[in-house]
Amino acid sequence: MSAHAVTLPAVNAQQTWIDRIIAVTGWCHDPEGDAGWEEVEAELGVVLPSDFTELCRRFAPGAFYAYLDLLRPADDHAQPLLGTWADCRQWAAWQGPAQLWAPYELYEPDKGLGLIQWGSDQTEGEYYWLADRSMEPDRWPVVARRDGVAPWHQLDMSTAEFVYRVIADPAFKPFTVADPPRRPFYLPHWGPFPMSAEDWNALTDPNRAG
């Protein structure tokens, strides 16, 4: 699956994908600190895409649309990236990567090419980069699937563009949660989870302020 032409909500052409996410969700909190990525990158032996670490800095631990979570440096209110990578490697050693991630393999520092998970969702969706030490990290493609038995989709787009399209692009099949289109939102870890239809309607109301 490759990037495709779609009609997006009206945004300033000069906005970055992170700016667009902020604009459509109405997120207006102060950025988080960025401590912790140095240790993660040292362990992986590679620098992570800059838009991903900036997304983590701009958004407190939580979930886009109460659905899509970013992996973080530590496990305070979020799933840790290094812990997830370690768990994947353990599973691969036990089951074999061909059964779990074929035709891809997991990233290993001594190989330099493979999958690093950066996100997950509430329906067992999996979101990775195809990390390649011979390529600038900001050019790594996103590799994703809806669940563990769904087909893989490799997309030549940044992490932030992928997140934006998931929450705001009704044509971004099969990953969108914006069909039918509603107002995206961001649910921080301290926010109450919407438990009723009325709660969801209030959060996704196109006329919602902020």
Protein backbone atom coordinates (compact mmCIF):
# COMPACT_ATOMS: atom_id res chain seq x y z
CA MET A 1 0.00 0.00 0.00
CA SER A 2 1.41 3.37 -0.94
CA ALA A 3 0.45 6.94 -0.09
CA HIS A 4 -2.58 8.00 -2.07
CA ALA A 5 -4.26 11.25 -3.05
CA VAL A 6 -7.08 12.20 -0.69
CA THR A 7 -9.08 15.25 0.26
CA LEU A 8 -7.89 16.42 3.67
CA PRO A 9 -9.45 18.87 6.11
CA ALA A 10 -8.48 22.45 5.29
CA VAL A 11 -5.04 23.25 6.73
CA ASN A 12 -2.31 25.75 6.06
CA ALA A 13 0.03 24.32 3.42
CA GLN A 14 3.02 25.48 5.46
CA GLN A 15 2.03 23.53 8.54
CA THR A 16 4.02 20.49 9.48
CA TRP A 17 2.18 17.24 10.09
CA ILE A 18 2.62 17.80 13.83
CA ASP A 19 1.07 21.25 13.50
CA ARG A 20 -1.84 19.67 11.65
CA ILE A 21 -2.35 17.11 14.41
CA ILE A 22 -2.36 19.89 17.00
CA ALA A 23 -4.79 21.93 14.89
CA VAL A 24 -7.34 19.16 14.34
CA THR A 25 -7.23 17.87 17.94
CA GLY A 26 -7.19 21.27 19.62
CA TRP A 27 -4.35 20.12 21.88
CA CYS A 28 -2.94 23.17 23.67
CA HIS A 29 -0.88 21.92 26.63
CA ASP A 30 2.77 22.72 27.26
CA PRO A 31 5.30 20.33 25.67
CA GLU A 32 6.66 17.46 27.71
CA GLY A 33 10.35 17.06 28.48
CA ASP A 34 12.37 14.97 26.05
CA ALA A 35 14.66 13.21 28.54
CA GLY A 36 15.11 9.52 27.98
CA TRP A 37 15.52 9.16 24.23
CA GLU A 38 19.32 9.23 24.44
CA GLU A 39 19.27 5.99 26.44
CA VAL A 40 16.79 4.39 24.04
CA GLU A 41 18.80 5.37 20.98
CA ALA A 42 22.03 4.20 22.57
CA GLU A 43 20.49 0.79 23.25
CA LEU A 44 19.13 0.54 19.71
CA GLY A 45 22.31 1.87 18.17
CA VAL A 46 20.37 4.24 15.93
CA VAL A 47 18.71 7.67 16.15
CA LEU A 48 14.90 7.63 15.95
CA PRO A 49 12.86 9.75 13.51
CA SER A 50 12.78 13.35 14.71
CA ASP A 51 9.05 13.87 14.12
CA PHE A 52 8.27 10.91 16.37
CA THR A 53 10.34 12.18 19.30
CA GLU A 54 8.87 15.65 18.74
CA LEU A 55 5.33 14.20 18.81
CA CYS A 56 6.17 12.56 22.13
CA ARG A 57 7.51 15.88 23.41
CA ARG A 58 4.49 17.88 22.28
CA PHE A 59 1.86 15.41 23.53
CA ALA A 60 1.73 14.08 27.08
CA PRO A 61 1.39 10.28 27.36
CA GLY A 62 -2.08 9.36 26.20
CA ALA A 63 -3.84 8.32 23.00
CA PHE A 64 -4.95 9.98 19.77
CA TYR A 65 -8.72 9.57 19.49
CA ALA A 66 -8.44 7.45 22.70
CA TYR A 67 -7.16 4.84 20.25
CA LEU A 68 -3.57 5.17 19.01
CA ASP A 69 -0.71 5.22 21.54
CA LEU A 70 2.90 6.22 21.00
CA LEU A 71 5.60 4.18 22.69
CA ARG A 72 7.69 6.23 25.12
CA PRO A 73 11.16 6.14 26.70
CA ALA A 74 9.82 4.98 30.08
CA ASP A 75 6.75 3.16 31.34
CA ASP A 76 5.22 6.07 33.25
CA HIS A 77 1.63 6.12 31.89
CA ALA A 78 2.75 4.55 28.60
CA GLN A 79 4.14 1.45 26.96
CA PRO A 80 7.97 1.72 26.79
CA LEU A 81 9.64 1.43 23.40
CA LEU A 82 12.68 -0.49 24.63
CA GLY A 83 10.54 -2.86 26.67
CA THR A 84 8.36 -3.56 23.63
CA TRP A 85 11.41 -4.14 21.45
CA ALA A 86 12.81 -6.55 24.05
CA ASP A 87 9.50 -8.42 24.21
CA CYS A 88 9.39 -8.70 20.41
CA ARG A 89 12.93 -10.07 20.33
CA GLN A 90 12.02 -12.62 22.99
CA TRP A 91 9.01 -13.74 20.99
CA ALA A 92 11.15 -13.95 17.85
CA ALA A 93 13.70 -16.11 19.64
CA TRP A 94 10.93 -18.42 20.82
CA GLN A 95 8.60 -18.58 17.79
CA GLY A 96 10.86 -17.45 14.97
CA PRO A 97 10.51 -14.13 13.13
CA ALA A 98 9.25 -15.78 9.94
CA GLN A 99 6.02 -16.74 11.72
CA LEU A 100 5.35 -13.38 13.34
CA TRP A 101 6.67 -10.60 11.10
CA ALA A 102 7.27 -12.20 7.68
CA PRO A 103 8.35 -11.01 5.19
CA TYR A 104 10.08 -8.59 7.58
CA GLU A 105 12.51 -9.23 10.40
CA LEU A 106 12.96 -7.39 13.66
CA TYR A 107 15.59 -4.71 13.87
CA GLU A 108 18.88 -5.79 15.44
CA PRO A 109 21.80 -3.38 15.87
CA ASP A 110 24.22 -5.80 14.23
CA LYS A 111 21.96 -6.25 11.19
CA GLY A 112 20.94 -2.65 10.63
CA LEU A 113 17.62 -3.35 8.89
CA GLY A 114 14.36 -4.42 10.47
CA LEU A 115 11.20 -3.46 12.32
CA ILE A 116 11.07 -1.24 15.41
CA GLN A 117 7.61 -0.79 16.90
CA TRP A 118 6.64 2.83 17.67
CA GLY A 119 2.91 2.56 18.39
CA SER A 120 -0.13 0.40 19.04
CA ASP A 121 -3.88 0.82 19.20
CA GLN A 122 -6.93 -0.42 21.05
CA THR A 123 -7.77 -3.10 18.47
CA GLU A 124 -4.36 -4.85 18.40
CA GLY A 125 -3.03 -2.77 15.54
CA GLU A 126 0.76 -2.67 15.21
CA TYR A 127 2.83 0.27 13.96
CA TYR A 128 6.53 -0.02 13.12
CA TRP A 129 9.31 1.66 11.22
CA LEU A 130 11.36 -0.31 8.74
CA ALA A 131 14.56 0.92 10.36
CA ASP A 132 17.59 1.05 8.09
CA ARG A 133 20.95 2.21 9.39
CA SER A 134 21.99 3.13 5.84
CA MET A 135 19.13 5.64 5.56
CA GLU A 136 18.26 8.87 7.37
CA PRO A 137 15.75 7.94 10.11
CA ASP A 138 13.31 10.64 8.95
CA ARG A 139 13.02 8.69 5.68
CA TRP A 140 12.18 5.33 7.24
CA PRO A 141 8.85 4.00 5.92
CA VAL A 142 6.01 3.07 8.25
CA VAL A 143 5.04 -0.61 8.29
CA ALA A 144 1.66 -1.35 9.85
CA ARG A 145 -1.13 -3.89 10.10
CA ARG A 146 -4.58 -3.87 11.70
CA ASP A 147 -3.83 -6.91 13.87
CA GLY A 148 -1.49 -9.85 14.11
CA VAL A 149 -3.09 -11.79 11.23
CA ALA A 150 -3.89 -8.86 8.89
CA PRO A 151 -1.68 -8.12 5.87
CA TRP A 152 1.20 -5.69 6.19
CA HIS A 153 1.11 -2.23 4.60
CA GLN A 154 4.37 -0.39 3.92
CA LEU A 155 3.87 3.36 3.53
CA ASP A 156 6.37 5.93 2.36
CA MET A 157 5.37 8.59 4.87
CA SER A 158 6.51 10.01 8.18
CA THR A 159 5.21 8.89 11.56
CA ALA A 160 3.38 12.18 12.09
CA GLU A 161 1.70 12.03 8.68
CA PHE A 162 0.55 8.49 9.42
CA VAL A 163 -0.91 9.53 12.78
CA TYR A 164 -2.66 12.51 11.18
CA ARG A 165 -4.23 10.37 8.47
CA VAL A 166 -5.40 7.75 10.98
CA ILE A 167 -7.33 10.33 13.00
CA ALA A 168 -8.37 12.82 10.30
CA ASP A 169 -8.43 11.21 6.83
CA PRO A 170 -11.59 9.17 6.06
CA ALA A 171 -9.97 7.76 2.91
CA PHE A 172 -6.94 6.33 4.72
CA LYS A 173 -8.07 2.71 4.58
CA PRO A 174 -7.71 0.36 6.37
CA PHE A 175 -6.27 2.39 9.26
CA THR A 176 -8.54 5.42 9.59
CA VAL A 177 -10.83 5.97 12.56
CA ALA A 178 -12.26 9.09 10.88
CA ASP A 179 -14.99 7.33 8.89
CA PRO A 180 -17.54 8.77 9.33
CA PRO A 181 -15.56 11.99 9.77
CA ARG A 182 -15.74 13.53 13.24
CA ARG A 183 -13.58 15.95 15.21
CA PRO A 184 -10.31 14.20 16.30
CA PHE A 185 -9.17 14.62 19.88
CA TYR A 186 -6.29 13.64 22.13
CA LEU A 187 -6.92 11.88 25.43
CA PRO A 188 -4.03 12.40 27.90
CA HIS A 189 -3.39 9.82 30.60
CA TRP A 190 -5.13 12.00 33.18
CA GLY A 191 -8.30 12.42 31.10
CA PRO A 192 -11.37 10.29 31.82
CA PHE A 193 -12.05 7.73 29.12
CA PRO A 194 -15.33 8.41 27.28
CA MET A 195 -17.70 5.74 28.55
CA SER A 196 -20.97 6.70 26.86
CA ALA A 197 -22.23 7.75 23.46
CA GLU A 198 -22.81 11.21 24.88
CA ASP A 199 -19.16 11.42 25.99
CA TRP A 200 -17.94 10.39 22.52
CA ASN A 201 -20.28 12.81 20.79
CA ALA A 202 -19.05 15.67 22.96
CA LEU A 203 -15.38 14.90 22.28
CA THR A 204 -15.85 14.42 18.54
CA ASP A 205 -18.34 17.23 17.94
CA PRO A 206 -17.10 19.18 14.88
CA ASN A 207 -18.17 22.38 16.65
CA ARG A 208 -16.26 21.57 19.84
CA ALA A 209 -14.21 24.51 21.07
CA GLY A 210 -10.49 23.78 21.61
